[in-house]
N, C-alpha and C. Protein backbone atom coordinates (compact mmCIF):
# COMPACT_ATOMS: atom_id res chain seq x y z
N MET A 1 -20.09 22.65 6.12
CA MET A 1 -21.04 23.33 7.28
C MET A 1 -20.72 22.00 7.92
N GLU A 2 -21.42 22.61 9.34
CA GLU A 2 -20.84 22.19 10.25
C GLU A 2 -21.75 22.84 11.63
N THR A 3 -21.89 22.31 12.37
CA THR A 3 -22.43 21.78 13.72
C THR A 3 -22.15 23.31 14.77
N SER A 4 -22.79 23.59 15.70
CA SER A 4 -22.31 24.23 16.83
C SER A 4 -21.27 24.28 17.27
N GLY A 5 -21.03 22.41 16.94
CA GLY A 5 -19.99 21.86 18.48
C GLY A 5 -18.30 21.78 17.41
N GLY A 6 -18.65 22.56 15.77
CA GLY A 6 -17.79 22.36 15.63
C GLY A 6 -17.56 21.12 14.60
N ARG A 7 -18.46 20.68 14.08
CA ARG A 7 -18.79 18.75 13.69
C ARG A 7 -19.66 18.24 13.03
N ARG A 8 -19.14 18.18 11.52
CA ARG A 8 -20.27 17.78 10.57
C ARG A 8 -21.70 16.76 10.91
N PRO A 9 -22.59 17.36 10.22
CA PRO A 9 -24.58 16.82 11.17
C PRO A 9 -23.75 15.55 10.32
N LYS A 10 -24.48 14.32 10.84
CA LYS A 10 -24.19 13.37 10.74
C LYS A 10 -24.50 11.58 9.90
N ALA A 11 -25.41 13.14 8.80
CA ALA A 11 -25.77 12.51 7.44
C ALA A 11 -24.67 12.74 6.19
N LEU A 12 -23.72 13.81 7.12
CA LEU A 12 -22.60 13.99 6.04
C LEU A 12 -21.19 12.68 6.68
N HIS A 13 -21.73 11.76 7.64
CA HIS A 13 -20.71 11.34 8.37
C HIS A 13 -21.49 9.55 7.52
N GLY A 14 -22.54 9.12 7.50
CA GLY A 14 -22.68 8.14 7.32
C GLY A 14 -22.16 7.23 5.80
N TRP A 15 -21.72 7.64 5.16
CA TRP A 15 -19.94 6.49 4.38
C TRP A 15 -19.30 5.96 5.11
N ARG A 16 -18.93 7.28 5.75
CA ARG A 16 -17.68 7.05 5.84
C ARG A 16 -17.35 5.78 7.03
N PRO A 17 -16.76 5.02 7.40
CA PRO A 17 -16.49 3.75 8.73
C PRO A 17 -16.53 4.75 9.95
N LYS A 18 -16.63 3.56 10.98
CA LYS A 18 -16.93 3.75 11.83
C LYS A 18 -15.62 4.83 12.55
N ALA A 19 -14.70 4.50 12.38
CA ALA A 19 -13.35 4.66 12.46
C ALA A 19 -12.90 6.10 12.49
N LEU A 20 -13.70 6.42 10.63
CA LEU A 20 -13.27 7.69 10.49
C LEU A 20 -14.47 8.51 10.69
N ARG A 21 -14.70 8.26 12.21
CA ARG A 21 -15.90 9.42 12.22
C ARG A 21 -15.55 9.55 13.57
N ASP A 22 -14.70 9.17 14.43
CA ASP A 22 -13.96 9.73 15.57
C ASP A 22 -13.00 10.97 15.59
N GLY A 23 -13.25 11.26 16.85
CA GLY A 23 -12.83 12.64 16.65
C GLY A 23 -12.49 14.28 15.30
N THR A 24 -12.02 14.82 15.42
CA THR A 24 -12.45 15.67 14.45
C THR A 24 -11.33 16.29 13.29
N ASP A 25 -12.00 16.50 11.73
CA ASP A 25 -11.21 16.39 10.70
C ASP A 25 -10.11 17.36 10.99
N PRO A 26 -9.14 17.30 10.51
CA PRO A 26 -7.62 16.92 10.47
C PRO A 26 -7.87 18.53 9.60
N ASP A 27 -6.31 19.01 9.66
CA ASP A 27 -6.83 20.10 8.43
C ASP A 27 -6.34 19.23 7.66
N PRO A 28 -6.50 19.87 6.17
CA PRO A 28 -6.74 18.76 4.69
C PRO A 28 -5.28 19.25 4.72
N ARG A 29 -5.08 19.51 4.42
CA ARG A 29 -3.28 19.21 3.95
C ARG A 29 -2.82 17.78 4.54
N PHE A 30 -3.47 17.58 5.91
CA PHE A 30 -2.73 16.77 5.83
C PHE A 30 -3.25 15.33 5.88
N THR A 31 -5.09 15.50 5.09
CA THR A 31 -5.81 14.48 4.83
C THR A 31 -5.05 13.84 3.10
N LEU A 32 -4.91 15.24 2.49
CA LEU A 32 -4.40 15.04 1.38
C LEU A 32 -3.04 14.29 0.73
N ALA A 33 -2.05 15.19 2.35
CA ALA A 33 -0.93 14.24 1.70
C ALA A 33 -0.98 12.48 2.13
N ASN A 34 -1.98 12.16 3.22
CA ASN A 34 -2.23 10.76 4.11
C ASN A 34 -2.29 10.03 2.10
N GLU A 35 -3.24 11.08 2.00
CA GLU A 35 -4.57 10.44 0.69
C GLU A 35 -3.24 10.33 -0.63
N ARG A 36 -2.05 11.15 -0.49
CA ARG A 36 -0.95 10.77 -2.07
C ARG A 36 -0.08 10.04 -1.65
N THR A 37 0.11 9.79 -0.08
CA THR A 37 0.78 8.47 0.52
C THR A 37 1.11 7.36 0.25
N PHE A 38 -0.38 7.14 0.60
CA PHE A 38 -1.63 5.70 -0.34
C PHE A 38 -1.75 5.42 -1.92
N LEU A 39 -1.51 6.48 -2.72
CA LEU A 39 -1.56 6.77 -3.81
C LEU A 39 0.02 6.12 -4.05
N ALA A 40 1.00 7.03 -3.69
CA ALA A 40 2.54 6.35 -3.67
C ALA A 40 2.19 4.95 -3.54
N TRP A 41 1.70 4.11 -3.14
CA TRP A 41 1.52 3.23 -2.40
C TRP A 41 1.27 2.28 -3.27
N VAL A 42 -0.10 2.30 -4.27
CA VAL A 42 -0.56 1.94 -5.38
C VAL A 42 0.21 1.91 -5.97
N ARG A 43 0.73 2.97 -6.76
CA ARG A 43 2.11 2.99 -7.71
C ARG A 43 2.94 1.87 -8.11
N THR A 44 3.57 2.34 -6.88
CA THR A 44 4.41 1.01 -6.37
C THR A 44 3.73 -0.53 -6.80
N ALA A 45 2.31 -0.78 -5.93
CA ALA A 45 2.65 -1.70 -6.39
C ALA A 45 2.07 -1.97 -7.80
N LEU A 46 2.33 -1.29 -8.77
CA LEU A 46 1.59 -1.58 -10.17
C LEU A 46 3.16 -1.82 -10.96
N GLY A 47 3.59 -0.82 -10.19
CA GLY A 47 5.83 -1.30 -10.27
C GLY A 47 5.62 -2.63 -10.50
N VAL A 48 5.61 -2.99 -9.11
CA VAL A 48 5.70 -4.41 -8.78
C VAL A 48 4.63 -5.27 -10.25
N ILE A 49 3.47 -4.91 -10.30
CA ILE A 49 3.03 -6.38 -11.01
C ILE A 49 3.60 -5.70 -12.56
N ALA A 50 4.44 -4.86 -12.60
CA ALA A 50 4.69 -4.55 -14.15
C ALA A 50 6.52 -5.53 -14.09
N ALA A 51 6.37 -5.52 -13.16
CA ALA A 51 7.97 -5.87 -13.09
C ALA A 51 8.27 -7.69 -13.19
N ALA A 52 5.93 -7.61 -12.50
CA ALA A 52 6.28 -9.38 -12.49
C ALA A 52 5.63 -10.30 -14.24
N VAL A 53 5.08 -9.40 -14.89
CA VAL A 53 4.46 -9.26 -16.05
C VAL A 53 6.01 -9.41 -16.94
N ALA A 54 7.05 -8.48 -17.30
CA ALA A 54 7.95 -8.40 -17.85
C ALA A 54 9.11 -9.16 -17.29
N LEU A 55 9.13 -10.44 -15.91
CA LEU A 55 9.37 -10.89 -16.22
C LEU A 55 9.52 -12.11 -17.15
N GLU A 56 7.65 -12.75 -16.88
CA GLU A 56 7.46 -13.78 -17.58
C GLU A 56 7.35 -13.87 -18.85
N THR A 57 7.22 -12.15 -19.05
CA THR A 57 7.06 -11.65 -20.99
C THR A 57 8.54 -12.13 -21.44
N PHE A 58 9.72 -11.38 -20.72
CA PHE A 58 10.89 -10.87 -21.52
C PHE A 58 11.93 -11.45 -20.97
N ALA A 59 11.86 -12.70 -20.13
CA ALA A 59 13.10 -13.29 -18.87
C ALA A 59 13.05 -15.12 -18.93
N GLY A 60 12.78 -15.32 -20.72
CA GLY A 60 12.10 -16.55 -20.63
C GLY A 60 13.63 -17.46 -21.33
N GLY A 61 15.23 -16.20 -21.65
CA GLY A 61 16.18 -17.35 -22.53
C GLY A 61 17.01 -16.75 -20.95
N ILE A 62 16.64 -16.41 -19.54
CA ILE A 62 17.65 -15.92 -18.54
C ILE A 62 17.44 -16.90 -16.87
N VAL A 63 16.13 -16.64 -17.28
CA VAL A 63 15.01 -18.26 -15.62
C VAL A 63 14.55 -19.01 -16.28
N SER A 64 15.07 -19.98 -16.11
CA SER A 64 13.93 -21.21 -16.00
C SER A 64 12.65 -21.22 -15.49
N GLU A 65 11.78 -21.81 -16.88
CA GLU A 65 10.24 -21.07 -16.70
C GLU A 65 9.28 -21.58 -15.42
N GLY A 66 9.93 -22.39 -14.90
CA GLY A 66 9.29 -23.34 -13.56
C GLY A 66 9.93 -21.48 -12.58
N LEU A 67 10.66 -21.01 -12.17
CA LEU A 67 11.44 -20.77 -11.23
C LEU A 67 10.82 -19.35 -11.64
N ARG A 68 10.76 -18.76 -13.39
CA ARG A 68 9.90 -17.31 -13.38
C ARG A 68 8.52 -17.03 -12.98
N THR A 69 7.71 -17.99 -13.47
CA THR A 69 6.49 -18.59 -12.74
C THR A 69 6.06 -18.37 -11.50
N VAL A 70 6.64 -18.89 -10.93
CA VAL A 70 6.36 -19.23 -9.86
C VAL A 70 6.90 -17.25 -9.04
N LEU A 71 7.92 -17.01 -9.35
CA LEU A 71 8.22 -15.92 -9.20
C LEU A 71 7.45 -14.17 -9.58
N ALA A 72 6.97 -14.79 -11.12
CA ALA A 72 5.94 -13.81 -10.92
C ALA A 72 4.88 -13.84 -10.62
N CYS A 73 4.23 -14.52 -10.13
CA CYS A 73 2.82 -14.96 -9.12
C CYS A 73 2.98 -14.01 -7.88
N ALA A 74 4.73 -15.07 -7.43
CA ALA A 74 4.84 -14.34 -6.09
C ALA A 74 4.17 -12.75 -6.12
N LEU A 75 5.61 -12.28 -7.15
CA LEU A 75 5.10 -10.85 -7.23
C LEU A 75 4.04 -10.21 -7.52
N LEU A 76 3.17 -10.74 -8.37
CA LEU A 76 1.76 -10.33 -8.66
C LEU A 76 1.27 -10.63 -6.94
N GLY A 77 1.19 -11.39 -5.88
CA GLY A 77 0.32 -11.91 -5.18
C GLY A 77 0.92 -10.93 -3.83
N PHE A 78 2.02 -10.40 -4.17
CA PHE A 78 2.43 -9.31 -2.93
C PHE A 78 1.75 -8.21 -3.65
N ALA A 79 1.62 -7.51 -4.89
CA ALA A 79 1.09 -5.82 -4.93
C ALA A 79 -0.73 -6.41 -4.31
N ALA A 80 -0.69 -7.57 -4.48
CA ALA A 80 -2.38 -6.99 -4.18
C ALA A 80 -1.98 -7.18 -2.44
N VAL A 81 -1.58 -7.49 -2.05
CA VAL A 81 -1.26 -7.60 -0.75
C VAL A 81 -0.61 -6.44 -0.34
N LEU A 82 -0.10 -5.73 -0.54
CA LEU A 82 0.73 -4.55 -1.18
C LEU A 82 0.07 -3.34 -1.21
N THR A 83 -1.04 -3.45 -1.73
CA THR A 83 -2.48 -2.78 -1.93
C THR A 83 -3.34 -2.69 -0.89
N VAL A 84 -3.82 -3.48 -0.77
CA VAL A 84 -4.72 -4.13 0.92
C VAL A 84 -3.72 -3.46 2.04
N PHE A 85 -2.61 -3.28 2.63
CA PHE A 85 -1.79 -2.87 3.20
C PHE A 85 -1.95 -1.22 2.99
N ALA A 86 -1.37 -1.00 1.85
CA ALA A 86 -2.21 0.57 2.05
C ALA A 86 -3.30 1.32 2.25
N LEU A 87 -3.66 0.37 2.44
CA LEU A 87 -4.96 1.20 2.54
C LEU A 87 -5.62 1.06 4.10
N ILE A 88 -5.05 -0.32 4.36
CA ILE A 88 -5.47 -0.16 5.15
C ILE A 88 -4.02 0.85 6.42
N ARG A 89 -3.07 1.49 5.87
CA ARG A 89 -2.24 2.40 6.69
C ARG A 89 -3.50 3.48 6.07
N TRP A 90 -3.40 3.13 4.99
CA TRP A 90 -4.54 5.31 5.64
C TRP A 90 -5.75 4.81 6.07
N HIS A 91 -6.07 3.98 6.42
CA HIS A 91 -7.26 3.97 7.91
C HIS A 91 -6.60 4.11 8.66
N ARG A 92 -5.37 3.80 8.56
CA ARG A 92 -4.58 4.20 10.12
C ARG A 92 -4.59 5.59 11.08
N VAL A 93 -3.92 6.02 9.91
CA VAL A 93 -3.01 7.27 9.14
C VAL A 93 -4.10 7.74 10.35
N GLU A 94 -5.14 7.67 9.24
CA GLU A 94 -7.08 8.95 8.81
C GLU A 94 -7.06 8.86 10.56
N HIS A 95 -7.09 7.83 11.10
CA HIS A 95 -7.90 7.89 12.35
C HIS A 95 -6.61 8.57 13.50
N ALA A 96 -5.70 7.91 13.50
CA ALA A 96 -4.66 8.73 14.25
C ALA A 96 -4.65 10.53 14.44
N MET A 97 -4.58 10.70 12.49
CA MET A 97 -4.60 11.49 13.02
C MET A 97 -6.40 12.50 13.22
N ARG A 98 -7.51 11.77 13.39
CA ARG A 98 -8.61 13.23 14.07
C ARG A 98 -8.62 12.66 15.35
N THR A 99 -7.83 11.37 16.21
CA THR A 99 -7.96 11.79 17.32
C THR A 99 -6.77 12.13 18.62
N GLY A 100 -5.47 12.53 17.17
CA GLY A 100 -4.78 12.79 18.11
C GLY A 100 -3.73 11.85 18.53
N ARG A 101 -3.53 10.33 18.02
CA ARG A 101 -3.44 9.64 18.52
C ARG A 101 -1.40 9.96 17.39
N ALA A 102 -0.56 9.17 18.09
CA ALA A 102 0.74 9.36 17.07
C ALA A 102 0.80 8.95 16.14
N LEU A 103 1.10 8.85 14.98
CA LEU A 103 1.41 8.25 14.10
C LEU A 103 2.01 6.26 13.93
N PRO A 104 0.85 5.51 13.21
CA PRO A 104 1.28 3.88 13.67
C PRO A 104 2.72 4.15 12.36
N VAL A 105 3.83 3.30 13.43
CA VAL A 105 5.24 2.59 12.54
C VAL A 105 4.58 2.66 10.88
N PRO A 106 5.03 2.50 10.05
CA PRO A 106 5.02 1.94 8.64
C PRO A 106 5.56 0.81 8.22
N TRP A 107 4.86 -0.58 8.91
CA TRP A 107 5.65 -1.45 8.58
C TRP A 107 5.68 -1.83 7.48
N VAL A 108 4.86 -1.19 6.24
CA VAL A 108 3.81 -1.80 5.07
C VAL A 108 5.72 -1.44 4.18
N ALA A 109 6.73 -0.72 5.11
CA ALA A 109 7.58 -0.35 4.08
C ALA A 109 8.70 -1.40 4.27
N TYR A 110 8.75 -1.47 5.41
CA TYR A 110 10.27 -3.21 5.74
C TYR A 110 9.31 -4.34 4.80
N LEU A 111 7.73 -4.24 4.81
CA LEU A 111 7.80 -5.89 3.96
C LEU A 111 8.30 -5.26 2.84
N LEU A 112 7.62 -4.17 1.78
CA LEU A 112 8.08 -3.64 1.05
C LEU A 112 10.09 -4.29 1.02
N ALA A 113 10.61 -3.28 1.54
CA ALA A 113 11.74 -4.03 1.39
C ALA A 113 12.15 -5.65 1.41
N VAL A 114 11.41 -6.62 2.03
CA VAL A 114 12.01 -7.83 2.97
C VAL A 114 11.23 -8.24 1.63
N ALA A 115 10.47 -7.86 0.50
CA ALA A 115 9.95 -8.96 -0.29
C ALA A 115 10.87 -8.50 -1.44
N LEU A 116 10.88 -7.19 -1.96
CA LEU A 116 12.11 -6.64 -3.12
C LEU A 116 13.22 -7.37 -2.72
N GLY A 117 14.33 -7.44 -2.07
CA GLY A 117 15.36 -7.73 -2.11
C GLY A 117 14.93 -9.67 -1.50
N VAL A 118 14.34 -10.13 -0.97
CA VAL A 118 14.26 -11.41 -1.58
C VAL A 118 14.30 -11.86 -3.19
N SER A 119 12.77 -10.84 -3.45
CA SER A 119 13.13 -11.97 -5.18
C SER A 119 14.69 -10.89 -5.65
N GLY A 120 15.12 -10.17 -5.28
CA GLY A 120 16.31 -9.95 -6.08
C GLY A 120 17.18 -10.74 -6.40
N VAL A 121 17.56 -11.30 -4.60
CA VAL A 121 18.13 -12.04 -4.78
C VAL A 121 17.77 -13.81 -5.38
N VAL A 122 17.22 -14.20 -5.69
CA VAL A 122 16.48 -14.75 -5.84
C VAL A 122 16.50 -14.62 -7.34
N LEU A 123 16.35 -13.39 -7.85
CA LEU A 123 16.90 -13.75 -9.77
C LEU A 123 17.76 -12.94 -9.93
N ALA A 124 18.72 -12.89 -9.49
CA ALA A 124 20.47 -13.10 -9.45
C ALA A 124 20.90 -14.70 -9.04
N VAL A 125 20.37 -15.29 -8.04
CA VAL A 125 21.02 -16.59 -8.01
C VAL A 125 20.28 -17.87 -9.89
N ALA A 126 19.41 -17.41 -9.85
CA ALA A 126 19.06 -18.37 -10.99
C ALA A 126 19.41 -16.97 -11.94
N ILE A 127 20.10 -15.77 -12.18
CA ILE A 127 20.88 -15.48 -13.70
C ILE A 127 22.61 -15.90 -13.40
N ALA A 128 22.33 -16.84 -12.33
CA ALA A 128 24.24 -16.27 -12.32
C ALA A 128 24.11 -17.99 -12.50
N ARG A 129 23.23 -18.44 -12.85
CA ARG A 129 23.55 -20.67 -12.65
C ARG A 129 23.33 -20.51 -14.37
């Protein structure tokens, strides 16, 4: 349902944040691809949560209790932050597509790589002891 200007009536835009009311609706394929990317980030966060639970549950004989708990809590916190950043990225990409701007740099990917790399090094050092 569109008006003569090619935009939806305001009543249908009421539930959207203002930033997603700017510009024009992009091709649905791009919006759905952006949504799939968001869901992939959420699945990644769920994987990090599973890793934290597995670490706390099964690494008792390998890693000291204090380090294990700290690392598991850090991974859980990181998963929560990753989910929030995924939502922010989805929002920024959607806004860029609607307004014809360049897509934002996926800096959350760098954050993920660094956080998991540091976690891996800490675990490797703990296991080697």
